[in-house]
Amino acid sequence: MMSDTVLETFTIYAHPADLPTVPYVVRMFDVGRGREPIATDIYWTAQTLRLARMWVPMGAVRLDRSPEDHPTVVESWI
């Protein structure tokens, strides 16, 4: 069976509510045709933003946070 995942995105958070003692968390999301991104169970933690960015796949493009993003969102990558 084919997956309906079109692409994966990665969002970096600073001190998210579910991991408040972790400085940075990188979460992977699946994006499919015609639906909102769905959070996967995959995430990585890091002590600095620089180290968090190392979990993002090479070649990904950074998107700055938008005013609508949750306050803990630092940036997203596609």
PDB file of N, CA and C in Angstrom:
ATOM      1  N   MET A   1       0.843  -1.182   0.000  1.00  0.00           N
ATOM      2  CA  MET A   1       0.000   0.000   0.000  1.00  0.00           C
ATOM      3  C   MET A   1       0.890   1.248   0.000  1.00  0.00           C
ATOM      4  N   MET A   2       0.549   2.230  -0.805  1.00  0.00           N
ATOM      5  CA  MET A   2       1.327   3.465  -0.883  1.00  0.00           C
ATOM      6  C   MET A   2       0.952   4.391   0.264  1.00  0.00           C
ATOM      7  N   SER A   3       1.944   5.090   0.748  1.00  0.00           N
ATOM      8  CA  SER A   3       1.713   6.095   1.783  1.00  0.00           C
ATOM      9  C   SER A   3       1.104   7.332   1.141  1.00  0.00           C
ATOM     10  N   ASP A   4       0.269   8.044   1.901  1.00  0.00           N
ATOM     11  CA  ASP A   4      -0.288   9.290   1.372  1.00  0.00           C
ATOM     12  C   ASP A   4       0.574  10.482   1.757  1.00  0.00           C
ATOM     13  N   THR A   5       1.756  10.212   2.327  1.00  0.00           N
ATOM     14  CA  THR A   5       2.678  11.289   2.681  1.00  0.00           C
ATOM     15  C   THR A   5       3.296  11.866   1.418  1.00  0.00           C
ATOM     16  N   VAL A   6       3.169  13.174   1.266  1.00  0.00           N
ATOM     17  CA  VAL A   6       3.743  13.861   0.116  1.00  0.00           C
ATOM     18  C   VAL A   6       5.127  14.394   0.472  1.00  0.00           C
ATOM     19  N   LEU A   7       5.253  14.908   1.683  1.00  0.00           N
ATOM     20  CA  LEU A   7       6.543  15.391   2.148  1.00  0.00           C
ATOM     21  C   LEU A   7       6.573  15.383   3.664  1.00  0.00           C
ATOM     22  N   GLU A   8       7.782  15.517   4.195  1.00  0.00           N
ATOM     23  CA  GLU A   8       7.967  15.600   5.641  1.00  0.00           C
ATOM     24  C   GLU A   8       8.457  17.002   5.971  1.00  0.00           C
ATOM     25  N   THR A   9       7.944  17.551   7.044  1.00  0.00           N
ATOM     26  CA  THR A   9       8.417  18.845   7.523  1.00  0.00           C
ATOM     27  C   THR A   9       8.973  18.667   8.921  1.00  0.00           C
ATOM     28  N   PHE A  10       9.788  19.608   9.336  1.00  0.00           N
ATOM     29  CA  PHE A  10      10.424  19.555  10.647  1.00  0.00           C
ATOM     30  C   PHE A  10      10.238  20.909  11.315  1.00  0.00           C
ATOM     31  N   THR A  11       9.746  20.894  12.540  1.00  0.00           N
ATOM     32  CA  THR A  11       9.540  22.134  13.280  1.00  0.00           C
ATOM     33  C   THR A  11      10.405  22.100  14.527  1.00  0.00           C
ATOM     34  N   ILE A  12      11.109  23.199  14.773  1.00  0.00           N
ATOM     35  CA  ILE A  12      11.945  23.321  15.964  1.00  0.00           C
ATOM     36  C   ILE A  12      11.191  24.156  16.987  1.00  0.00           C
ATOM     37  N   TYR A  13      11.105  23.618  18.196  1.00  0.00           N
ATOM     38  CA  TYR A  13      10.424  24.278  19.316  1.00  0.00           C
ATOM     39  C   TYR A  13      11.433  24.585  20.413  1.00  0.00           C
ATOM     40  N   ALA A  14      11.188  25.666  21.136  1.00  0.00           N
ATOM     41  CA  ALA A  14      11.981  26.004  22.324  1.00  0.00           C
ATOM     42  C   ALA A  14      11.106  25.737  23.550  1.00  0.00           C
ATOM     43  N   HIS A  15      11.567  24.856  24.428  1.00  0.00           N
ATOM     44  CA  HIS A  15      10.872  24.515  25.684  1.00  0.00           C
ATOM     45  C   HIS A  15       9.384  24.234  25.490  1.00  0.00           C
ATOM     46  N   PRO A  16       9.032  23.224  24.664  1.00  0.00           N
ATOM     47  CA  PRO A  16       7.611  22.917  24.486  1.00  0.00           C
ATOM     48  C   PRO A  16       6.997  22.400  25.786  1.00  0.00           C
ATOM     49  N   ALA A  17       5.697  22.545  25.925  1.00  0.00           N
ATOM     50  CA  ALA A  17       5.001  22.196  27.170  1.00  0.00           C
ATOM     51  C   ALA A  17       5.184  20.732  27.558  1.00  0.00           C
ATOM     52  N   ASP A  18       5.263  19.824  26.575  1.00  0.00           N
ATOM     53  CA  ASP A  18       5.396  18.407  26.911  1.00  0.00           C
ATOM     54  C   ASP A  18       6.820  18.007  27.289  1.00  0.00           C
ATOM     55  N   LEU A  19       7.806  18.863  27.000  1.00  0.00           N
ATOM     56  CA  LEU A  19       9.204  18.625  27.370  1.00  0.00           C
ATOM     57  C   LEU A  19       9.816  19.943  27.862  1.00  0.00           C
ATOM     58  N   PRO A  20       9.296  20.518  28.923  1.00  0.00           N
ATOM     59  CA  PRO A  20       9.693  21.868  29.336  1.00  0.00           C
ATOM     60  C   PRO A  20      11.154  22.022  29.774  1.00  0.00           C
ATOM     61  N   THR A  21      11.801  20.938  30.154  1.00  0.00           N
ATOM     62  CA  THR A  21      13.195  21.052  30.600  1.00  0.00           C
ATOM     63  C   THR A  21      14.193  20.895  29.458  1.00  0.00           C
ATOM     64  N   VAL A  22      13.681  20.607  28.268  1.00  0.00           N
ATOM     65  CA  VAL A  22      14.547  20.435  27.098  1.00  0.00           C
ATOM     66  C   VAL A  22      14.613  21.768  26.352  1.00  0.00           C
ATOM     67  N   PRO A  23      15.817  22.278  26.115  1.00  0.00           N
ATOM     68  CA  PRO A  23      15.909  23.574  25.429  1.00  0.00           C
ATOM     69  C   PRO A  23      15.286  23.592  24.030  1.00  0.00           C
ATOM     70  N   TYR A  24      15.566  22.567  23.210  1.00  0.00           N
ATOM     71  CA  TYR A  24      15.034  22.541  21.849  1.00  0.00           C
ATOM     72  C   TYR A  24      14.560  21.138  21.486  1.00  0.00           C
ATOM     73  N   VAL A  25      13.439  21.086  20.769  1.00  0.00           N
ATOM     74  CA  VAL A  25      12.881  19.829  20.274  1.00  0.00           C
ATOM     75  C   VAL A  25      12.597  20.003  18.791  1.00  0.00           C
ATOM     76  N   VAL A  26      13.005  19.017  18.002  1.00  0.00           N
ATOM     77  CA  VAL A  26      12.724  18.996  16.569  1.00  0.00           C
ATOM     78  C   VAL A  26      11.691  17.891  16.339  1.00  0.00           C
ATOM     79  N   ARG A  27      10.536  18.254  15.811  1.00  0.00           N
ATOM     80  CA  ARG A  27       9.474  17.277  15.560  1.00  0.00           C
ATOM     81  C   ARG A  27       9.251  17.118  14.058  1.00  0.00           C
ATOM     82  N   MET A  28       9.038  15.874  13.653  1.00  0.00           N
ATOM     83  CA  MET A  28       8.770  15.583  12.253  1.00  0.00           C
ATOM     84  C   MET A  28       7.262  15.477  12.032  1.00  0.00           C
ATOM     85  N   PHE A  29       6.792  16.073  10.945  1.00  0.00           N
ATOM     86  CA  PHE A  29       5.387  16.033  10.546  1.00  0.00           C
ATOM     87  C   PHE A  29       5.282  15.420   9.156  1.00  0.00           C
ATOM     88  N   ASP A  30       4.212  14.672   8.910  1.00  0.00           N
ATOM     89  CA  ASP A  30       3.897  14.165   7.573  1.00  0.00           C
ATOM     90  C   ASP A  30       2.838  15.072   6.975  1.00  0.00           C
ATOM     91  N   VAL A  31       3.023  15.405   5.706  1.00  0.00           N
ATOM     92  CA  VAL A  31       2.047  16.222   4.992  1.00  0.00           C
ATOM     93  C   VAL A  31       1.539  15.399   3.821  1.00  0.00           C
ATOM     94  N   GLY A  32       0.225  15.322   3.713  1.00  0.00           N
ATOM     95  CA  GLY A  32      -0.395  14.584   2.612  1.00  0.00           C
ATOM     96  C   GLY A  32      -1.233  15.507   1.761  1.00  0.00           C
ATOM     97  N   ARG A  33      -1.637  15.014   0.618  1.00  0.00           N
ATOM     98  CA  ARG A  33      -2.482  15.815  -0.280  1.00  0.00           C
ATOM     99  C   ARG A  33      -3.802  16.152   0.397  1.00  0.00           C
ATOM    100  N   GLY A  34      -4.127  17.432   0.416  1.00  0.00           N
ATOM    101  CA  GLY A  34      -5.418  17.872   0.893  1.00  0.00           C
ATOM    102  C   GLY A  34      -5.647  17.761   2.385  1.00  0.00           C
ATOM    103  N   ARG A  35      -4.590  17.657   3.176  1.00  0.00           N
ATOM    104  CA  ARG A  35      -4.789  17.598   4.626  1.00  0.00           C
ATOM    105  C   ARG A  35      -3.703  18.379   5.349  1.00  0.00           C
ATOM    106  N   GLU A  36      -4.017  18.726   6.567  1.00  0.00           N
ATOM    107  CA  GLU A  36      -3.068  19.445   7.415  1.00  0.00           C
ATOM    108  C   GLU A  36      -1.911  18.519   7.792  1.00  0.00           C
ATOM    109  N   PRO A  37      -0.746  19.080   8.132  1.00  0.00           N
ATOM    110  CA  PRO A  37       0.368  18.249   8.605  1.00  0.00           C
ATOM    111  C   PRO A  37      -0.030  17.469   9.860  1.00  0.00           C
ATOM    112  N   ILE A  38       0.464  16.244   9.948  1.00  0.00           N
ATOM    113  CA  ILE A  38       0.190  15.383  11.096  1.00  0.00           C
ATOM    114  C   ILE A  38       1.507  15.106  11.808  1.00  0.00           C
ATOM    115  N   ALA A  39       1.541  15.375  13.104  1.00  0.00           N
ATOM    116  CA  ALA A  39       2.744  15.113  13.889  1.00  0.00           C
ATOM    117  C   ALA A  39       3.009  13.614  13.933  1.00  0.00           C
ATOM    118  N   THR A  40       4.251  13.233  13.740  1.00  0.00           N
ATOM    119  CA  THR A  40       4.639  11.831  13.877  1.00  0.00           C
ATOM    120  C   THR A  40       5.120  11.615  15.315  1.00  0.00           C
ATOM    121  N   ASP A  41       5.486  10.395  15.626  1.00  0.00           N
ATOM    122  CA  ASP A  41       6.061  10.090  16.935  1.00  0.00           C
ATOM    123  C   ASP A  41       7.567  10.340  16.968  1.00  0.00           C
ATOM    124  N   ILE A  42       8.094  10.869  15.876  1.00  0.00           N
ATOM    125  CA  ILE A  42       9.540  11.064  15.749  1.00  0.00           C
ATOM    126  C   ILE A  42       9.919  12.467  16.182  1.00  0.00           C
ATOM    127  N   TYR A  43      10.863  12.546  17.114  1.00  0.00           N
ATOM    128  CA  TYR A  43      11.401  13.845  17.518  1.00  0.00           C
ATOM    129  C   TYR A  43      12.808  13.661  18.062  1.00  0.00           C
ATOM    130  N   TRP A  44      13.550  14.763  18.074  1.00  0.00           N
ATOM    131  CA  TRP A  44      14.909  14.783  18.597  1.00  0.00           C
ATOM    132  C   TRP A  44      15.029  15.953  19.553  1.00  0.00           C
ATOM    133  N   THR A  45      15.946  15.866  20.484  1.00  0.00           N
ATOM    134  CA  THR A  45      16.168  16.959  21.429  1.00  0.00           C
ATOM    135  C   THR A  45      17.586  17.490  21.264  1.00  0.00           C
ATOM    136  N   ALA A  46      17.775  18.736  21.667  1.00  0.00           N
ATOM    137  CA  ALA A  46      19.096  19.364  21.551  1.00  0.00           C
ATOM    138  C   ALA A  46      19.242  20.445  22.612  1.00  0.00           C
ATOM    139  N   GLN A  47      20.475  20.711  22.968  1.00  0.00           N
ATOM    140  CA  GLN A  47      20.773  21.727  23.972  1.00  0.00           C
ATOM    141  C   GLN A  47      20.890  23.130  23.387  1.00  0.00           C
ATOM    142  N   THR A  48      21.124  23.232  22.071  1.00  0.00           N
ATOM    143  CA  THR A  48      21.236  24.539  21.423  1.00  0.00           C
ATOM    144  C   THR A  48      20.466  24.519  20.102  1.00  0.00           C
ATOM    145  N   LEU A  49      20.147  25.694  19.601  1.00  0.00           N
ATOM    146  CA  LEU A  49      19.472  25.797  18.304  1.00  0.00           C
ATOM    147  C   LEU A  49      20.379  25.255  17.206  1.00  0.00           C
ATOM    148  N   ARG A  50      21.651  25.534  17.296  1.00  0.00           N
ATOM    149  CA  ARG A  50      22.610  25.039  16.301  1.00  0.00           C
ATOM    150  C   ARG A  50      22.578  23.516  16.231  1.00  0.00           C
ATOM    151  N   LEU A  51      22.565  22.865  17.386  1.00  0.00           N
ATOM    152  CA  LEU A  51      22.513  21.402  17.412  1.00  0.00           C
ATOM    153  C   LEU A  51      21.159  20.885  16.944  1.00  0.00           C
ATOM    154  N   ALA A  52      20.089  21.587  17.259  1.00  0.00           N
ATOM    155  CA  ALA A  52      18.760  21.181  16.801  1.00  0.00           C
ATOM    156  C   ALA A  52      18.712  21.188  15.276  1.00  0.00           C
ATOM    157  N   ARG A  53      19.295  22.194  14.664  1.00  0.00           N
ATOM    158  CA  ARG A  53      19.286  22.291  13.203  1.00  0.00           C
ATOM    159  C   ARG A  53      20.036  21.139  12.541  1.00  0.00           C
ATOM    160  N   MET A  54      20.935  20.496  13.283  1.00  0.00           N
ATOM    161  CA  MET A  54      21.677  19.367  12.720  1.00  0.00           C
ATOM    162  C   MET A  54      20.778  18.148  12.502  1.00  0.00           C
ATOM    163  N   TRP A  55      19.618  18.093  13.150  1.00  0.00           N
ATOM    164  CA  TRP A  55      18.669  17.000  12.958  1.00  0.00           C
ATOM    165  C   TRP A  55      17.829  17.183  11.694  1.00  0.00           C
ATOM    166  N   VAL A  56      17.825  18.380  11.146  1.00  0.00           N
ATOM    167  CA  VAL A  56      17.046  18.671   9.938  1.00  0.00           C
ATOM    168  C   VAL A  56      17.819  18.135   8.734  1.00  0.00           C
ATOM    169  N   PRO A  57      17.148  17.418   7.840  1.00  0.00           N
ATOM    170  CA  PRO A  57      17.851  16.851   6.680  1.00  0.00           C
ATOM    171  C   PRO A  57      18.521  17.917   5.817  1.00  0.00           C
ATOM    172  N   MET A  58      19.681  17.562   5.290  1.00  0.00           N
ATOM    173  CA  MET A  58      20.385  18.463   4.374  1.00  0.00           C
ATOM    174  C   MET A  58      19.487  18.760   3.181  1.00  0.00           C
ATOM    175  N   GLY A  59      19.532  19.984   2.723  1.00  0.00           N
ATOM    176  CA  GLY A  59      18.736  20.390   1.568  1.00  0.00           C
ATOM    177  C   GLY A  59      17.378  20.960   1.926  1.00  0.00           C
ATOM    178  N   ALA A  60      16.980  20.829   3.196  1.00  0.00           N
ATOM    179  CA  ALA A  60      15.697  21.394   3.611  1.00  0.00           C
ATOM    180  C   ALA A  60      15.779  22.920   3.579  1.00  0.00           C
ATOM    181  N   VAL A  61      14.624  23.545   3.407  1.00  0.00           N
ATOM    182  CA  VAL A  61      14.540  25.003   3.323  1.00  0.00           C
ATOM    183  C   VAL A  61      13.859  25.524   4.594  1.00  0.00           C
ATOM    184  N   ARG A  62      14.468  26.528   5.207  1.00  0.00           N
ATOM    185  CA  ARG A  62      13.937  27.084   6.449  1.00  0.00           C
ATOM    186  C   ARG A  62      12.803  28.065   6.192  1.00  0.00           C
ATOM    187  N   LEU A  63      11.770  27.962   7.022  1.00  0.00           N
ATOM    188  CA  LEU A  63      10.667  28.917   7.021  1.00  0.00           C
ATOM    189  C   LEU A  63      10.667  29.617   8.371  1.00  0.00           C
ATOM    190  N   ASP A  64      10.718  30.927   8.363  1.00  0.00           N
ATOM    191  CA  ASP A  64      10.640  31.660   9.624  1.00  0.00           C
ATOM    192  C   ASP A  64       9.274  31.444  10.244  1.00  0.00           C
ATOM    193  N   ARG A  65       9.201  31.625  11.548  1.00  0.00           N
ATOM    194  CA  ARG A  65       7.911  31.471  12.223  1.00  0.00           C
ATOM    195  C   ARG A  65       6.975  32.581  11.763  1.00  0.00           C
ATOM    196  N   SER A  66       5.694  32.280  11.781  1.00  0.00           N
ATOM    197  CA  SER A  66       4.702  33.285  11.420  1.00  0.00           C
ATOM    198  C   SER A  66       3.960  33.701  12.685  1.00  0.00           C
ATOM    199  N   PRO A  67       3.297  34.847  12.673  1.00  0.00           N
ATOM    200  CA  PRO A  67       2.587  35.322  13.863  1.00  0.00           C
ATOM    201  C   PRO A  67       1.531  34.328  14.365  1.00  0.00           C
ATOM    202  N   GLU A  68       1.026  33.463  13.478  1.00  0.00           N
ATOM    203  CA  GLU A  68       0.001  32.493  13.872  1.00  0.00           C
ATOM    204  C   GLU A  68       0.581  31.274  14.579  1.00  0.00           C
ATOM    205  N   ASP A  69       1.897  31.084  14.512  1.00  0.00           N
ATOM    206  CA  ASP A  69       2.533  29.923  15.136  1.00  0.00           C
ATOM    207  C   ASP A  69       2.430  29.982  16.652  1.00  0.00           C
ATOM    208  N   HIS A  70       2.455  28.815  17.260  1.00  0.00           N
ATOM    209  CA  HIS A  70       2.488  28.724  18.721  1.00  0.00           C
ATOM    210  C   HIS A  70       3.752  29.431  19.202  1.00  0.00           C
ATOM    211  N   PRO A  71       3.712  30.081  20.361  1.00  0.00           N
ATOM    212  CA  PRO A  71       4.877  30.839  20.852  1.00  0.00           C
ATOM    213  C   PRO A  71       6.162  30.024  20.990  1.00  0.00           C
ATOM    214  N   THR A  72       6.060  28.693  21.147  1.00  0.00           N
ATOM    215  CA  THR A  72       7.278  27.892  21.301  1.00  0.00           C
ATOM    216  C   THR A  72       7.935  27.531  19.974  1.00  0.00           C
ATOM    217  N   VAL A  73       7.269  27.799  18.849  1.00  0.00           N
ATOM    218  CA  VAL A  73       7.850  27.503  17.545  1.00  0.00           C
ATOM    219  C   VAL A  73       8.977  28.486  17.251  1.00  0.00           C
ATOM    220  N   VAL A  74      10.139  27.936  16.914  1.00  0.00           N
ATOM    221  CA  VAL A  74      11.286  28.766  16.536  1.00  0.00           C
ATOM    222  C   VAL A  74      11.310  28.937  15.020  1.00  0.00           C
ATOM    223  N   GLU A  75      11.205  27.805  14.301  1.00  0.00           N
ATOM    224  CA  GLU A  75      11.240  27.817  12.836  1.00  0.00           C
ATOM    225  C   GLU A  75      10.795  26.449  12.336  1.00  0.00           C
ATOM    226  N   SER A  76      10.446  26.400  11.057  1.00  0.00           N
ATOM    227  CA  SER A  76      10.085  25.123  10.423  1.00  0.00           C
ATOM    228  C   SER A  76      10.919  24.941   9.177  1.00  0.00           C
ATOM    229  N   TRP A  77      11.028  23.688   8.752  1.00  0.00           N
ATOM    230  CA  TRP A  77      11.831  23.333   7.581  1.00  0.00           C
ATOM    231  C   TRP A  77      11.041  22.398   6.675  1.00  0.00           C
ATOM    232  N   ILE A  78      11.141  22.620   5.347  1.00  0.00           N
ATOM    233  CA  ILE A  78      10.523  21.710   4.394  1.00  0.00           C
ATOM    234  C   ILE A  78      11.562  21.259   3.389  1.00  0.00           C
TER     235      ILE A  78
END
